[in-house]
C-alpha atoms as a PDB file:
ATOM      1  CA  UNK A   1       4.057  -0.426 -20.597  1.00  0.00           C
ATOM      2  CA  UNK A   2       1.926   2.309 -19.024  1.00  0.00           C
ATOM      3  CA  UNK A   3       2.386   3.124 -15.348  1.00  0.00           C
ATOM      4  CA  UNK A   4      -0.541   2.907 -12.961  1.00  0.00           C
ATOM      5  CA  UNK A   5      -0.762   4.492  -9.535  1.00  0.00           C
ATOM      6  CA  UNK A   6      -2.477   4.192  -6.193  1.00  0.00           C
ATOM      7  CA  UNK A   7      -2.652   6.675  -3.346  1.00  0.00           C
ATOM      8  CA  UNK A   8      -4.319   6.429   0.027  1.00  0.00           C
ATOM      9  CA  UNK A   9      -3.943   7.525   3.642  1.00  0.00           C
ATOM     10  CA  UNK A  10      -4.937   6.413   7.109  1.00  0.00           C
ATOM     11  CA  UNK A  11      -4.815   8.217  10.433  1.00  0.00           C
ATOM     12  CA  UNK A  12      -4.192   6.081  13.517  1.00  0.00           C
ATOM     13  CA  UNK A  13      -4.379   7.239  17.145  1.00  0.00           C
ATOM     14  CA  UNK A  14      -0.881   5.978  17.939  1.00  0.00           C
ATOM     15  CA  UNK A  15       2.622   7.502  18.086  1.00  0.00           C
ATOM     16  CA  UNK A  16       4.561   7.583  14.820  1.00  0.00           C
ATOM     17  CA  UNK A  17       7.394   5.359  16.107  1.00  0.00           C
ATOM     18  CA  UNK A  18       4.885   2.634  17.008  1.00  0.00           C
ATOM     19  CA  UNK A  19       3.005   2.824  13.701  1.00  0.00           C
ATOM     20  CA  UNK A  20       6.246   2.810  11.695  1.00  0.00           C
ATOM     21  CA  UNK A  21       7.081  -0.679  13.049  1.00  0.00           C
ATOM     22  CA  UNK A  22       3.846  -2.376  11.865  1.00  0.00           C
ATOM     23  CA  UNK A  23       3.828  -5.635   9.874  1.00  0.00           C
ATOM     24  CA  UNK A  24       1.108  -7.968   8.627  1.00  0.00           C
ATOM     25  CA  UNK A  25       0.456 -10.831   6.241  1.00  0.00           C
ATOM     26  CA  UNK A  26      -2.134 -10.705   3.527  1.00  0.00           C
ATOM     27  CA  UNK A  27      -3.905 -12.973   1.097  1.00  0.00           C
ATOM     28  CA  UNK A  28      -5.522 -12.271  -2.227  1.00  0.00           C
ATOM     29  CA  UNK A  29      -8.384 -14.514  -3.267  1.00  0.00           C
ATOM     30  CA  UNK A  30      -7.361 -16.857  -0.448  1.00  0.00           C
ATOM     31  CA  UNK A  31      -3.758 -17.207  -1.661  1.00  0.00           C
ATOM     32  CA  UNK A  32      -0.914 -15.747   0.427  1.00  0.00           C
ATOM     33  CA  UNK A  33       0.849 -12.981  -1.482  1.00  0.00           C
ATOM     34  CA  UNK A  34       4.551 -13.632  -1.731  1.00  0.00           C
ATOM     35  CA  UNK A  35       6.977 -11.541  -3.615  1.00  0.00           C
ATOM     36  CA  UNK A  36      10.333 -10.133  -2.728  1.00  0.00           C
ATOM     37  CA  UNK A  37      10.788  -6.406  -2.216  1.00  0.00           C
ATOM     38  CA  UNK A  38      13.876  -4.371  -1.571  1.00  0.00           C
ATOM     39  CA  UNK A  39      13.849  -1.345   0.684  1.00  0.00           C
ATOM     40  CA  UNK A  40      15.580   1.416  -1.259  1.00  0.00           C
ATOM     41  CA  UNK A  41      15.038   4.263   1.191  1.00  0.00           C
ATOM     42  CA  UNK A  42      14.885   3.934   4.992  1.00  0.00           C
ATOM     43  CA  UNK A  43      14.322   7.028   7.143  1.00  0.00           C
ATOM     44  CA  UNK A  44      12.690   5.903  10.412  1.00  0.00           C
ATOM     45  CA  UNK A  45      10.220   7.034  11.613  1.00  0.00           C
ATOM     46  CA  UNK A  46       9.467   9.340   8.664  1.00  0.00           C
ATOM     47  CA  UNK A  47       9.362   7.224   5.524  1.00  0.00           C
ATOM     48  CA  UNK A  48      10.589   4.236   3.602  1.00  0.00           C
ATOM     49  CA  UNK A  49      10.324   3.073   0.022  1.00  0.00           C
ATOM     50  CA  UNK A  50      10.243  -0.470  -1.277  1.00  0.00           C
ATOM     51  CA  UNK A  51      10.502  -1.785  -4.820  1.00  0.00           C
ATOM     52  CA  UNK A  52       9.657  -5.224  -6.137  1.00  0.00           C
ATOM     53  CA  UNK A  53      12.798  -7.307  -6.586  1.00  0.00           C
ATOM     54  CA  UNK A  54      10.890 -10.406  -7.731  1.00  0.00           C
ATOM     55  CA  UNK A  55       7.195 -10.840  -8.292  1.00  0.00           C
ATOM     56  CA  UNK A  56       4.224 -10.377 -10.595  1.00  0.00           C
ATOM     57  CA  UNK A  57       4.789  -6.751 -11.642  1.00  0.00           C
ATOM     58  CA  UNK A  58       7.131  -5.309 -14.245  1.00  0.00           C
ATOM     59  CA  UNK A  59       7.620  -2.497 -11.720  1.00  0.00           C
ATOM     60  CA  UNK A  60       6.346  -1.804  -8.199  1.00  0.00           C
ATOM     61  CA  UNK A  61       7.496   1.255  -6.226  1.00  0.00           C
ATOM     62  CA  UNK A  62       5.751   1.919  -2.896  1.00  0.00           C
ATOM     63  CA  UNK A  63       6.546   4.952  -0.768  1.00  0.00           C
ATOM     64  CA  UNK A  64       5.258   4.923   2.839  1.00  0.00           C
ATOM     65  CA  UNK A  65       5.240   8.232   4.749  1.00  0.00           C
ATOM     66  CA  UNK A  66       4.453   8.742   8.446  1.00  0.00           C
ATOM     67  CA  UNK A  67       3.451  12.178   9.743  1.00  0.00           C
ATOM     68  CA  UNK A  68       2.561  13.248  13.273  1.00  0.00           C
ATOM     69  CA  UNK A  69      -0.933  14.726  13.170  1.00  0.00           C
ATOM     70  CA  UNK A  70      -3.704  15.424  15.683  1.00  0.00           C
ATOM     71  CA  UNK A  71      -2.068  13.376  18.449  1.00  0.00           C
ATOM     72  CA  UNK A  72      -1.627  10.338  16.193  1.00  0.00           C
ATOM     73  CA  UNK A  73       0.011   9.278  12.957  1.00  0.00           C
ATOM     74  CA  UNK A  74      -1.037   9.891   9.361  1.00  0.00           C
ATOM     75  CA  UNK A  75       0.191   7.092   7.110  1.00  0.00           C
ATOM     76  CA  UNK A  76       0.403   7.990   3.416  1.00  0.00           C
ATOM     77  CA  UNK A  77       0.930   5.490   0.631  1.00  0.00           C
ATOM     78  CA  UNK A  78       1.978   6.253  -2.925  1.00  0.00           C
ATOM     79  CA  UNK A  79       2.383   3.342  -5.332  1.00  0.00           C
ATOM     80  CA  UNK A  80       3.476   3.271  -8.949  1.00  0.00           C
ATOM     81  CA  UNK A  81       3.261  -0.018 -10.808  1.00  0.00           C
ATOM     82  CA  UNK A  82       3.539  -1.449 -14.300  1.00  0.00           C
ATOM     83  CA  UNK A  83       2.322  -4.762 -15.680  1.00  0.00           C
ATOM     84  CA  UNK A  84       4.091  -7.025 -18.150  1.00  0.00           C
ATOM     85  CA  UNK A  85       2.907  -6.905 -21.753  1.00  0.00           C
ATOM     86  CA  UNK A  86       1.731  -4.519 -24.427  1.00  0.00           C
ATOM     87  CA  UNK A  87      -0.050  -1.312 -23.368  1.00  0.00           C
ATOM     88  CA  UNK A  88      -3.522  -2.239 -24.652  1.00  0.00           C
ATOM     89  CA  UNK A  89      -3.506  -5.632 -22.951  1.00  0.00           C
ATOM     90  CA  UNK A  90      -2.088  -4.371 -19.661  1.00  0.00           C
ATOM     91  CA  UNK A  91      -4.627  -1.517 -19.544  1.00  0.00           C
ATOM     92  CA  UNK A  92      -7.496  -3.996 -19.869  1.00  0.00           C
ATOM     93  CA  UNK A  93      -5.979  -6.478 -17.387  1.00  0.00           C
ATOM     94  CA  UNK A  94      -5.350  -3.644 -14.926  1.00  0.00           C
ATOM     95  CA  UNK A  95      -8.943  -2.335 -15.092  1.00  0.00           C
ATOM     96  CA  UNK A  96     -10.536  -5.771 -14.801  1.00  0.00           C
ATOM     97  CA  UNK A  97      -8.260  -7.582 -12.353  1.00  0.00           C
ATOM     98  CA  UNK A  98      -5.204  -5.835 -10.981  1.00  0.00           C
ATOM     99  CA  UNK A  99      -6.580  -2.419  -9.974  1.00  0.00           C
ATOM    100  CA  UNK A 100      -9.647  -3.829  -8.164  1.00  0.00           C
ATOM    101  CA  UNK A 101      -7.501  -6.417  -6.356  1.00  0.00           C
ATOM    102  CA  UNK A 102      -4.875  -3.819  -5.425  1.00  0.00           C
ATOM    103  CA  UNK A 103      -7.617  -1.550  -4.084  1.00  0.00           C
ATOM    104  CA  UNK A 104      -8.971  -4.438  -1.972  1.00  0.00           C
ATOM    105  CA  UNK A 105      -5.480  -5.110  -0.603  1.00  0.00           C
ATOM    106  CA  UNK A 106      -5.147  -1.548   0.671  1.00  0.00           C
ATOM    107  CA  UNK A 107      -8.703  -1.501   2.020  1.00  0.00           C
ATOM    108  CA  UNK A 108      -7.841  -4.723   3.853  1.00  0.00           C
ATOM    109  CA  UNK A 109      -4.704  -3.079   5.202  1.00  0.00           C
ATOM    110  CA  UNK A 110      -6.737  -0.173   6.564  1.00  0.00           C
ATOM    111  CA  UNK A 111      -8.909  -2.645   8.484  1.00  0.00           C
ATOM    112  CA  UNK A 112      -5.930  -4.741   9.581  1.00  0.00           C
ATOM    113  CA  UNK A 113      -4.131  -1.709  11.012  1.00  0.00           C
ATOM    114  CA  UNK A 114      -7.273  -0.679  12.884  1.00  0.00           C
ATOM    115  CA  UNK A 115      -7.265  -4.142  14.476  1.00  0.00           C
ATOM    116  CA  UNK A 116      -3.518  -4.265  15.128  1.00  0.00           C
ATOM    117  CA  UNK A 117      -3.565  -0.882  16.843  1.00  0.00           C
ATOM    118  CA  UNK A 118      -6.919  -1.422  18.609  1.00  0.00           C
ATOM    119  CA  UNK A 119      -8.286   1.668  16.843  1.00  0.00           C
ATOM    120  CA  UNK A 120     -11.625   0.498  15.454  1.00  0.00           C
ATOM    121  CA  UNK A 121     -14.009   3.451  15.414  1.00  0.00           C
ATOM    122  CA  UNK A 122     -11.189   5.930  16.076  1.00  0.00           C
ATOM    123  CA  UNK A 123      -9.000   5.533  12.984  1.00  0.00           C
ATOM    124  CA  UNK A 124      -9.813   7.435   9.802  1.00  0.00           C
ATOM    125  CA  UNK A 125      -9.078   6.145   6.316  1.00  0.00           C
ATOM    126  CA  UNK A 126      -8.992   7.909   2.987  1.00  0.00           C
ATOM    127  CA  UNK A 127     -10.262   6.525  -0.254  1.00  0.00           C
ATOM    128  CA  UNK A 128      -7.938   4.243  -2.183  1.00  0.00           C
ATOM    129  CA  UNK A 129      -7.475   6.263  -5.383  1.00  0.00           C
ATOM    130  CA  UNK A 130      -6.340   4.469  -8.513  1.00  0.00           C
ATOM    131  CA  UNK A 131      -4.731   6.175 -11.485  1.00  0.00           C
ATOM    132  CA  UNK A 132      -5.619   3.941 -14.365  1.00  0.00           C
END
């Protein structure tokens, strides 16, 4: 099973402690996403890492980092994930379905955090980069 990756960042004009506490709900194709994750590293307000305990992926490891920058907070995301199945099939499924959906999820999160922190027009977001 090949590993795939995603990286992105977002700068928000809010203190790191405030941004670290964020939470939101999301849907994919109109269906609420529900899977169980386990936090394996917890270093407030600097970083935390969660892994999928139960859900659709063979592996999901997501590291969230929070850095003070330019009077606000830079949020960095690094994700490594694997799909179930043989390499050829999972590569095709990832390119056609999973990677585009995962990219949309993080683009949605960028917008959601702008709303949550009342930062529309002031926040900056990096490209969601996929390693296929």
